[in-house]
Amino acid sequence: MLAIRLDTDTQNRLELLARKTGRTKTFYARQAILQHLEDLEDIYLATKRLRRIAKTYSAGEVKRELDL
């Protein structure tokens, strides 16, 4: 169970969309969360990874390692 507060304009838009399409407000809230959840998880993981110090390699080192 989840309860969210929306500003009046967003609430009105959501209600209008639900009425026009015959779907529920809950349906659209669920769809919005599912669509953006993966993006939010990716952002979290990328940010976490960028905070780690990683070893860098020069072009010469890469060429030697790959026998190029």
PDB file of N, CA and C in Angstrom:
ATOM      1  N   MET A   1       0.849  -1.181   0.000  1.00  0.00           N
ATOM      2  CA  MET A   1       0.000   0.000   0.000  1.00  0.00           C
ATOM      3  C   MET A   1       0.884   1.229   0.000  1.00  0.00           C
ATOM      4  N   LEU A   2       0.507   2.211  -0.779  1.00  0.00           N
ATOM      5  CA  LEU A   2       1.280   3.441  -0.905  1.00  0.00           C
ATOM      6  C   LEU A   2       0.315   4.608  -1.021  1.00  0.00           C
ATOM      7  N   ALA A   3       0.598   5.655  -0.294  1.00  0.00           N
ATOM      8  CA  ALA A   3      -0.212   6.871  -0.398  1.00  0.00           C
ATOM      9  C   ALA A   3       0.714   8.011  -0.800  1.00  0.00           C
ATOM     10  N   ILE A   4       0.301   8.804  -1.786  1.00  0.00           N
ATOM     11  CA  ILE A   4       1.110   9.944  -2.203  1.00  0.00           C
ATOM     12  C   ILE A   4       0.237  11.188  -2.273  1.00  0.00           C
ATOM     13  N   ARG A   5       0.862  12.323  -2.054  1.00  0.00           N
ATOM     14  CA  ARG A   5       0.165  13.603  -2.170  1.00  0.00           C
ATOM     15  C   ARG A   5       0.604  14.248  -3.474  1.00  0.00           C
ATOM     16  N   LEU A   6      -0.350  14.729  -4.225  1.00  0.00           N
ATOM     17  CA  LEU A   6      -0.072  15.395  -5.490  1.00  0.00           C
ATOM     18  C   LEU A   6      -0.589  16.823  -5.415  1.00  0.00           C
ATOM     19  N   ASP A   7       0.091  17.716  -6.124  1.00  0.00           N
ATOM     20  CA  ASP A   7      -0.434  19.074  -6.194  1.00  0.00           C
ATOM     21  C   ASP A   7      -1.753  19.042  -6.973  1.00  0.00           C
ATOM     22  N   THR A   8      -2.529  20.080  -6.827  1.00  0.00           N
ATOM     23  CA  THR A   8      -3.869  20.123  -7.416  1.00  0.00           C
ATOM     24  C   THR A   8      -3.847  19.937  -8.928  1.00  0.00           C
ATOM     25  N   ASP A   9      -2.907  20.584  -9.609  1.00  0.00           N
ATOM     26  CA  ASP A   9      -2.838  20.482 -11.065  1.00  0.00           C
ATOM     27  C   ASP A   9      -2.566  19.042 -11.502  1.00  0.00           C
ATOM     28  N   THR A  10      -1.618  18.394 -10.866  1.00  0.00           N
ATOM     29  CA  THR A  10      -1.288  17.006 -11.209  1.00  0.00           C
ATOM     30  C   THR A  10      -2.460  16.090 -10.900  1.00  0.00           C
ATOM     31  N   GLN A  11      -3.096  16.295  -9.768  1.00  0.00           N
ATOM     32  CA  GLN A  11      -4.270  15.496  -9.395  1.00  0.00           C
ATOM     33  C   GLN A  11      -5.374  15.643 -10.442  1.00  0.00           C
ATOM     34  N   ASN A  12      -5.627  16.875 -10.856  1.00  0.00           N
ATOM     35  CA  ASN A  12      -6.669  17.107 -11.867  1.00  0.00           C
ATOM     36  C   ASN A  12      -6.325  16.447 -13.196  1.00  0.00           C
ATOM     37  N   ARG A  13      -5.071  16.547 -13.612  1.00  0.00           N
ATOM     38  CA  ARG A  13      -4.644  15.921 -14.859  1.00  0.00           C
ATOM     39  C   ARG A  13      -4.812  14.411 -14.794  1.00  0.00           C
ATOM     40  N   LEU A  14      -4.428  13.824 -13.661  1.00  0.00           N
ATOM     41  CA  LEU A  14      -4.540  12.382 -13.481  1.00  0.00           C
ATOM     42  C   LEU A  14      -6.003  11.942 -13.498  1.00  0.00           C
ATOM     43  N   GLU A  15      -6.856  12.672 -12.818  1.00  0.00           N
ATOM     44  CA  GLU A  15      -8.281  12.340 -12.805  1.00  0.00           C
ATOM     45  C   GLU A  15      -8.887  12.442 -14.201  1.00  0.00           C
ATOM     46  N   LEU A  16      -8.518  13.476 -14.945  1.00  0.00           N
ATOM     47  CA  LEU A  16      -9.033  13.649 -16.307  1.00  0.00           C
ATOM     48  C   LEU A  16      -8.581  12.510 -17.217  1.00  0.00           C
ATOM     49  N   LEU A  17      -7.312  12.155 -17.124  1.00  0.00           N
ATOM     50  CA  LEU A  17      -6.791  11.049 -17.926  1.00  0.00           C
ATOM     51  C   LEU A  17      -7.520   9.750 -17.593  1.00  0.00           C
ATOM     52  N   ALA A  18      -7.706   9.492 -16.311  1.00  0.00           N
ATOM     53  CA  ALA A  18      -8.394   8.273 -15.888  1.00  0.00           C
ATOM     54  C   ALA A  18      -9.825   8.242 -16.432  1.00  0.00           C
ATOM     55  N   ARG A  19     -10.522   9.356 -16.346  1.00  0.00           N
ATOM     56  CA  ARG A  19     -11.903   9.417 -16.859  1.00  0.00           C
ATOM     57  C   ARG A  19     -11.950   9.204 -18.370  1.00  0.00           C
ATOM     58  N   LYS A  20     -11.040   9.867 -19.078  1.00  0.00           N
ATOM     59  CA  LYS A  20     -11.054   9.780 -20.541  1.00  0.00           C
ATOM     60  C   LYS A  20     -10.703   8.389 -21.054  1.00  0.00           C
ATOM     61  N   THR A  21      -9.897   7.662 -20.307  1.00  0.00           N
ATOM     62  CA  THR A  21      -9.422   6.360 -20.788  1.00  0.00           C
ATOM     63  C   THR A  21     -10.132   5.176 -20.146  1.00  0.00           C
ATOM     64  N   GLY A  22     -10.892   5.433 -19.104  1.00  0.00           N
ATOM     65  CA  GLY A  22     -11.566   4.334 -18.417  1.00  0.00           C
ATOM     66  C   GLY A  22     -10.645   3.530 -17.525  1.00  0.00           C
ATOM     67  N   ARG A  23      -9.480   4.041 -17.266  1.00  0.00           N
ATOM     68  CA  ARG A  23      -8.527   3.382 -16.357  1.00  0.00           C
ATOM     69  C   ARG A  23      -8.591   4.078 -15.001  1.00  0.00           C
ATOM     70  N   THR A  24      -7.951   3.474 -14.007  1.00  0.00           N
ATOM     71  CA  THR A  24      -7.942   4.085 -12.678  1.00  0.00           C
ATOM     72  C   THR A  24      -6.708   4.958 -12.501  1.00  0.00           C
ATOM     73  N   LYS A  25      -6.798   5.861 -11.536  1.00  0.00           N
ATOM     74  CA  LYS A  25      -5.627   6.676 -11.188  1.00  0.00           C
ATOM     75  C   LYS A  25      -4.496   5.774 -10.691  1.00  0.00           C
ATOM     76  N   THR A  26      -4.865   4.728  -9.981  1.00  0.00           N
ATOM     77  CA  THR A  26      -3.873   3.775  -9.471  1.00  0.00           C
ATOM     78  C   THR A  26      -3.118   3.114 -10.619  1.00  0.00           C
ATOM     79  N   PHE A  27      -3.825   2.775 -11.680  1.00  0.00           N
ATOM     80  CA  PHE A  27      -3.175   2.160 -12.835  1.00  0.00           C
ATOM     81  C   PHE A  27      -2.066   3.073 -13.352  1.00  0.00           C
ATOM     82  N   TYR A  28      -2.381   4.360 -13.531  1.00  0.00           N
ATOM     83  CA  TYR A  28      -1.384   5.283 -14.079  1.00  0.00           C
ATOM     84  C   TYR A  28      -0.250   5.559 -13.096  1.00  0.00           C
ATOM     85  N   ALA A  29      -0.539   5.617 -11.819  1.00  0.00           N
ATOM     86  CA  ALA A  29       0.523   5.798 -10.818  1.00  0.00           C
ATOM     87  C   ALA A  29       1.471   4.600 -10.845  1.00  0.00           C
ATOM     88  N   ARG A  30       0.893   3.393 -10.917  1.00  0.00           N
ATOM     89  CA  ARG A  30       1.709   2.171 -10.972  1.00  0.00           C
ATOM     90  C   ARG A  30       2.589   2.171 -12.224  1.00  0.00           C
ATOM     91  N   GLN A  31       1.995   2.525 -13.376  1.00  0.00           N
ATOM     92  CA  GLN A  31       2.751   2.554 -14.628  1.00  0.00           C
ATOM     93  C   GLN A  31       3.914   3.541 -14.548  1.00  0.00           C
ATOM     94  N   ALA A  32       3.667   4.716 -13.992  1.00  0.00           N
ATOM     95  CA  ALA A  32       4.711   5.732 -13.880  1.00  0.00           C
ATOM     96  C   ALA A  32       5.851   5.242 -12.996  1.00  0.00           C
ATOM     97  N   ILE A  33       5.519   4.613 -11.889  1.00  0.00           N
ATOM     98  CA  ILE A  33       6.553   4.108 -10.980  1.00  0.00           C
ATOM     99  C   ILE A  33       7.362   3.008 -11.661  1.00  0.00           C
ATOM    100  N   LEU A  34       6.691   2.065 -12.292  1.00  0.00           N
ATOM    101  CA  LEU A  34       7.401   0.965 -12.941  1.00  0.00           C
ATOM    102  C   LEU A  34       8.317   1.459 -14.063  1.00  0.00           C
ATOM    103  N   GLN A  35       7.859   2.444 -14.828  1.00  0.00           N
ATOM    104  CA  GLN A  35       8.673   2.967 -15.933  1.00  0.00           C
ATOM    105  C   GLN A  35       9.940   3.629 -15.438  1.00  0.00           C
ATOM    106  N   HIS A  36       9.853   4.316 -14.316  1.00  0.00           N
ATOM    107  CA  HIS A  36      10.994   5.094 -13.852  1.00  0.00           C
ATOM    108  C   HIS A  36      11.850   4.388 -12.809  1.00  0.00           C
ATOM    109  N   LEU A  37      11.365   3.327 -12.228  1.00  0.00           N
ATOM    110  CA  LEU A  37      12.112   2.630 -11.193  1.00  0.00           C
ATOM    111  C   LEU A  37      13.448   2.093 -11.713  1.00  0.00           C
ATOM    112  N   GLU A  38      13.445   1.484 -12.885  1.00  0.00           N
ATOM    113  CA  GLU A  38      14.688   0.947 -13.444  1.00  0.00           C
ATOM    114  C   GLU A  38      15.697   2.068 -13.701  1.00  0.00           C
ATOM    115  N   ASP A  39      15.223   3.200 -14.220  1.00  0.00           N
ATOM    116  CA  ASP A  39      16.117   4.336 -14.443  1.00  0.00           C
ATOM    117  C   ASP A  39      16.719   4.829 -13.128  1.00  0.00           C
ATOM    118  N   LEU A  40      15.903   4.920 -12.095  1.00  0.00           N
ATOM    119  CA  LEU A  40      16.395   5.372 -10.794  1.00  0.00           C
ATOM    120  C   LEU A  40      17.426   4.394 -10.223  1.00  0.00           C
ATOM    121  N   GLU A  41      17.185   3.099 -10.393  1.00  0.00           N
ATOM    122  CA  GLU A  41      18.149   2.091  -9.936  1.00  0.00           C
ATOM    123  C   GLU A  41      19.457   2.221 -10.699  1.00  0.00           C
ATOM    124  N   ASP A  42      19.389   2.429 -12.017  1.00  0.00           N
ATOM    125  CA  ASP A  42      20.587   2.596 -12.831  1.00  0.00           C
ATOM    126  C   ASP A  42      21.378   3.830 -12.401  1.00  0.00           C
ATOM    127  N   ILE A  43      20.680   4.926 -12.135  1.00  0.00           N
ATOM    128  CA  ILE A  43      21.350   6.155 -11.687  1.00  0.00           C
ATOM    129  C   ILE A  43      22.059   5.908 -10.363  1.00  0.00           C
ATOM    130  N   TYR A  44      21.400   5.230  -9.447  1.00  0.00           N
ATOM    131  CA  TYR A  44      22.005   4.918  -8.156  1.00  0.00           C
ATOM    132  C   TYR A  44      23.274   4.092  -8.339  1.00  0.00           C
ATOM    133  N   LEU A  45      23.203   3.039  -9.149  1.00  0.00           N
ATOM    134  CA  LEU A  45      24.360   2.176  -9.356  1.00  0.00           C
ATOM    135  C   LEU A  45      25.502   2.923 -10.060  1.00  0.00           C
ATOM    136  N   ALA A  46      25.176   3.742 -11.045  1.00  0.00           N
ATOM    137  CA  ALA A  46      26.201   4.499 -11.761  1.00  0.00           C
ATOM    138  C   ALA A  46      26.878   5.497 -10.834  1.00  0.00           C
ATOM    139  N   THR A  47      26.102   6.183 -10.027  1.00  0.00           N
ATOM    140  CA  THR A  47      26.666   7.152  -9.082  1.00  0.00           C
ATOM    141  C   THR A  47      27.570   6.463  -8.080  1.00  0.00           C
ATOM    142  N   LYS A  48      27.128   5.329  -7.590  1.00  0.00           N
ATOM    143  CA  LYS A  48      27.929   4.549  -6.633  1.00  0.00           C
ATOM    144  C   LYS A  48      29.250   4.129  -7.281  1.00  0.00           C
ATOM    145  N   ARG A  49      29.188   3.683  -8.529  1.00  0.00           N
ATOM    146  CA  ARG A  49      30.393   3.240  -9.242  1.00  0.00           C
ATOM    147  C   ARG A  49      31.344   4.393  -9.493  1.00  0.00           C
ATOM    148  N   LEU A  50      30.820   5.554  -9.828  1.00  0.00           N
ATOM    149  CA  LEU A  50      31.664   6.711 -10.114  1.00  0.00           C
ATOM    150  C   LEU A  50      32.394   7.216  -8.878  1.00  0.00           C
ATOM    151  N   ARG A  51      31.915   6.890  -7.718  1.00  0.00           N
ATOM    152  CA  ARG A  51      32.573   7.315  -6.474  1.00  0.00           C
ATOM    153  C   ARG A  51      33.806   6.480  -6.169  1.00  0.00           C
ATOM    154  N   ARG A  52      33.895   5.294  -6.768  1.00  0.00           N
ATOM    155  CA  ARG A  52      35.059   4.428  -6.536  1.00  0.00           C
ATOM    156  C   ARG A  52      36.229   4.905  -7.381  1.00  0.00           C
ATOM    157  N   ILE A  53      37.396   4.818  -6.810  1.00  0.00           N
ATOM    158  CA  ILE A  53      38.603   5.160  -7.555  1.00  0.00           C
ATOM    159  C   ILE A  53      38.986   3.946  -8.398  1.00  0.00           C
ATOM    160  N   ALA A  54      39.163   4.164  -9.678  1.00  0.00           N
ATOM    161  CA  ALA A  54      39.495   3.068 -10.588  1.00  0.00           C
ATOM    162  C   ALA A  54      40.858   3.326 -11.213  1.00  0.00           C
ATOM    163  N   LYS A  55      41.560   2.253 -11.494  1.00  0.00           N
ATOM    164  CA  LYS A  55      42.840   2.372 -12.162  1.00  0.00           C
ATOM    165  C   LYS A  55      42.600   2.752 -13.619  1.00  0.00           C
ATOM    166  N   THR A  56      43.413   3.654 -14.120  1.00  0.00           N
ATOM    167  CA  THR A  56      43.319   4.038 -15.527  1.00  0.00           C
ATOM    168  C   THR A  56      44.537   3.493 -16.262  1.00  0.00           C
ATOM    169  N   TYR A  57      44.362   3.285 -17.542  1.00  0.00           N
ATOM    170  CA  TYR A  57      45.421   2.725 -18.375  1.00  0.00           C
ATOM    171  C   TYR A  57      45.679   3.656 -19.544  1.00  0.00           C
ATOM    172  N   SER A  58      46.941   3.769 -19.913  1.00  0.00           N
ATOM    173  CA  SER A  58      47.275   4.564 -21.088  1.00  0.00           C
ATOM    174  C   SER A  58      46.978   3.738 -22.336  1.00  0.00           C
ATOM    175  N   ALA A  59      46.933   4.420 -23.481  1.00  0.00           N
ATOM    176  CA  ALA A  59      46.705   3.713 -24.741  1.00  0.00           C
ATOM    177  C   ALA A  59      47.808   2.676 -24.969  1.00  0.00           C
ATOM    178  N   GLY A  60      49.030   3.035 -24.635  1.00  0.00           N
ATOM    179  CA  GLY A  60      50.154   2.107 -24.800  1.00  0.00           C
ATOM    180  C   GLY A  60      49.996   0.861 -23.949  1.00  0.00           C
ATOM    181  N   GLU A  61      49.558   1.038 -22.711  1.00  0.00           N
ATOM    182  CA  GLU A  61      49.343  -0.116 -21.832  1.00  0.00           C
ATOM    183  C   GLU A  61      48.249  -1.037 -22.377  1.00  0.00           C
ATOM    184  N   VAL A  62      47.193  -0.451 -22.883  1.00  0.00           N
ATOM    185  CA  VAL A  62      46.107  -1.250 -23.449  1.00  0.00           C
ATOM    186  C   VAL A  62      46.595  -2.019 -24.665  1.00  0.00           C
ATOM    187  N   LYS A  63      47.341  -1.352 -25.538  1.00  0.00           N
ATOM    188  CA  LYS A  63      47.872  -2.016 -26.737  1.00  0.00           C
ATOM    189  C   LYS A  63      48.795  -3.169 -26.353  1.00  0.00           C
ATOM    190  N   ARG A  64      49.659  -2.939 -25.379  1.00  0.00           N
ATOM    191  CA  ARG A  64      50.576  -4.025 -24.948  1.00  0.00           C
ATOM    192  C   ARG A  64      49.790  -5.189 -24.355  1.00  0.00           C
ATOM    193  N   GLU A  65      48.798  -4.877 -23.516  1.00  0.00           N
ATOM    194  CA  GLU A  65      48.013  -5.924 -22.886  1.00  0.00           C
ATOM    195  C   GLU A  65      47.242  -6.755 -23.899  1.00  0.00           C
ATOM    196  N   LEU A  66      46.766  -6.106 -24.961  1.00  0.00           N
ATOM    197  CA  LEU A  66      45.984  -6.797 -25.986  1.00  0.00           C
ATOM    198  C   LEU A  66      46.829  -7.259 -27.170  1.00  0.00           C
ATOM    199  N   ASP A  67      48.138  -7.103 -27.069  1.00  0.00           N
ATOM    200  CA  ASP A  67      49.074  -7.466 -28.156  1.00  0.00           C
ATOM    201  C   ASP A  67      48.669  -6.820 -29.481  1.00  0.00           C
ATOM    202  N   LEU A  68      48.405  -5.534 -29.449  1.00  0.00           N
ATOM    203  CA  LEU A  68      48.039  -4.817 -30.681  1.00  0.00           C
ATOM    204  C   LEU A  68      49.237  -4.108 -31.258  1.00  0.00           C
TER     205      LEU A  68
END
